[in-house]
């Protein structure tokens, strides 16, 4: 094997160093993502009734406490600040079997 063909096969020292630094940086970033994901999981788990809705609500009935418990609850959605509620209009019920975790009816939860 000639010197030229051997240098083409063997990586140079700076390439190995750059690769090692890149691998370490990516490992640190990956571990940080896992840490953030774990913290978010425990914050979500610590909620009384965990949901991912973008508004406040008041739980009216929690069916987990019924004689025959089920995984449903009835909530009153609090209006956003500055939103006027017309008392002459009838309220409506949204039945979401995905428990608020899915993308919603229109593709986005806000559209639902």
Protein backbone atom coordinates (compact mmCIF):
# COMPACT_ATOMS: atom_id res chain seq x y z
CA UNK A 1 0.00 0.00 0.00
CA UNK A 2 1.41 3.38 -0.89
CA UNK A 3 1.48 6.40 1.44
CA UNK A 4 -1.19 8.20 -0.62
CA UNK A 5 -3.72 5.36 -0.51
CA UNK A 6 -3.19 4.85 3.22
CA UNK A 7 -3.85 8.54 4.02
CA UNK A 8 -7.09 8.39 2.01
CA UNK A 9 -8.35 5.47 4.14
CA UNK A 10 -7.13 6.66 7.56
CA UNK A 11 -9.03 9.71 8.87
CA UNK A 12 -6.94 12.64 9.90
CA UNK A 13 -6.66 13.62 13.55
CA UNK A 14 -8.72 16.80 13.28
CA UNK A 15 -11.60 14.91 11.59
CA UNK A 16 -11.72 12.45 14.48
CA UNK A 17 -11.63 15.32 16.97
CA UNK A 18 -14.44 17.18 15.16
CA UNK A 19 -16.53 14.01 15.00
CA UNK A 20 -15.99 13.34 18.72
CA UNK A 21 -16.92 16.91 19.67
CA UNK A 22 -20.03 16.76 17.47
CA UNK A 23 -21.08 13.42 18.97
CA UNK A 24 -20.63 14.75 22.51
CA UNK A 25 -22.59 17.93 21.77
CA UNK A 26 -25.44 15.93 20.22
CA UNK A 27 -25.43 13.58 23.22
CA UNK A 28 -25.72 16.52 25.63
CA UNK A 29 -28.57 18.02 23.59
CA UNK A 30 -30.36 14.64 23.46
CA UNK A 31 -30.04 14.22 27.24
CA UNK A 32 -31.39 17.75 27.74
CA UNK A 33 -34.44 16.93 25.57
CA UNK A 34 -35.04 13.78 27.64
CA UNK A 35 -34.75 15.85 30.85
CA UNK A 36 -37.26 18.43 29.60
CA UNK A 37 -39.63 15.69 28.47
CA UNK A 38 -39.43 14.01 31.89
CA UNK A 39 -40.12 17.27 33.71
CA UNK A 40 -43.13 17.97 31.48
CA UNK A 41 -44.43 14.44 32.13
CA UNK A 42 -44.25 14.89 35.92
CA UNK A 43 -45.87 18.37 35.73
CA UNK A 44 -48.71 16.90 33.67
CA UNK A 45 -49.05 13.90 36.00
CA UNK A 46 -49.19 16.16 39.09
CA UNK A 47 -52.30 17.97 37.81
CA UNK A 48 -55.58 17.07 39.53
CA UNK A 49 -57.20 16.34 36.19
CA UNK A 50 -54.52 16.46 33.51
CA UNK A 51 -55.50 18.01 30.21
CA UNK A 52 -53.81 19.91 27.43
CA UNK A 53 -56.56 22.43 26.81
CA UNK A 54 -55.60 26.05 26.22
CA UNK A 55 -58.16 27.55 28.58
CA UNK A 56 -59.31 27.40 32.19
CA UNK A 57 -62.15 25.18 33.26
CA UNK A 58 -64.21 24.27 36.28
CA UNK A 59 -64.84 20.57 36.93
CA UNK A 60 -68.55 19.97 37.56
CA UNK A 61 -68.58 16.16 37.75
CA UNK A 62 -65.64 13.79 37.95
CA UNK A 63 -66.81 10.30 36.99
CA UNK A 64 -63.70 8.72 38.50
CA UNK A 65 -65.40 9.20 41.88
CA UNK A 66 -68.70 7.57 40.91
CA UNK A 67 -69.87 4.29 42.41
CA UNK A 68 -68.85 2.66 39.11
CA UNK A 69 -65.91 4.88 38.07
CA UNK A 70 -65.25 5.76 34.45
CA UNK A 71 -62.65 7.95 32.79
CA UNK A 72 -64.87 10.97 32.00
CA UNK A 73 -65.56 14.34 33.52
CA UNK A 74 -67.95 17.20 32.91
CA UNK A 75 -66.44 20.66 32.91
CA UNK A 76 -67.56 24.25 32.53
CA UNK A 77 -65.15 26.12 30.24
CA UNK A 78 -64.31 29.55 31.57
CA UNK A 79 -64.54 32.29 28.93
CA UNK A 80 -61.43 34.26 28.03
CA UNK A 81 -61.04 37.74 29.51
CA UNK A 82 -63.17 40.25 27.59
CA UNK A 83 -65.48 37.63 26.03
CA UNK A 84 -69.15 38.38 26.55
CA UNK A 85 -71.45 35.39 27.06
CA UNK A 86 -74.99 35.70 25.71
CA UNK A 87 -77.29 34.23 28.40
CA UNK A 88 -80.10 33.78 25.83
CA UNK A 89 -78.12 31.22 23.84
CA UNK A 90 -78.20 27.59 24.88
CA UNK A 91 -75.02 25.97 26.17
CA UNK A 92 -73.63 23.03 24.23
CA UNK A 93 -71.74 19.89 25.14
CA UNK A 94 -68.51 18.76 23.48
CA UNK A 95 -67.82 15.05 23.75
CA UNK A 96 -64.16 14.46 23.03
CA UNK A 97 -63.25 10.77 23.30
CA UNK A 98 -59.57 11.63 22.82
CA UNK A 99 -59.61 13.47 26.17
CA UNK A 100 -58.19 16.61 24.60
CA UNK A 101 -55.03 14.90 23.40
CA UNK A 102 -55.82 14.80 19.66
CA UNK A 103 -55.63 17.45 16.97
CA UNK A 104 -59.32 18.35 17.12
CA UNK A 105 -62.20 18.32 14.67
CA UNK A 106 -60.82 20.95 12.28
CA UNK A 107 -57.23 19.72 12.46
CA UNK A 108 -56.39 22.04 15.35
CA UNK A 109 -57.76 21.94 18.90
CA UNK A 110 -58.58 25.65 18.71
CA UNK A 111 -60.85 25.01 15.70
CA UNK A 112 -62.88 22.55 17.72
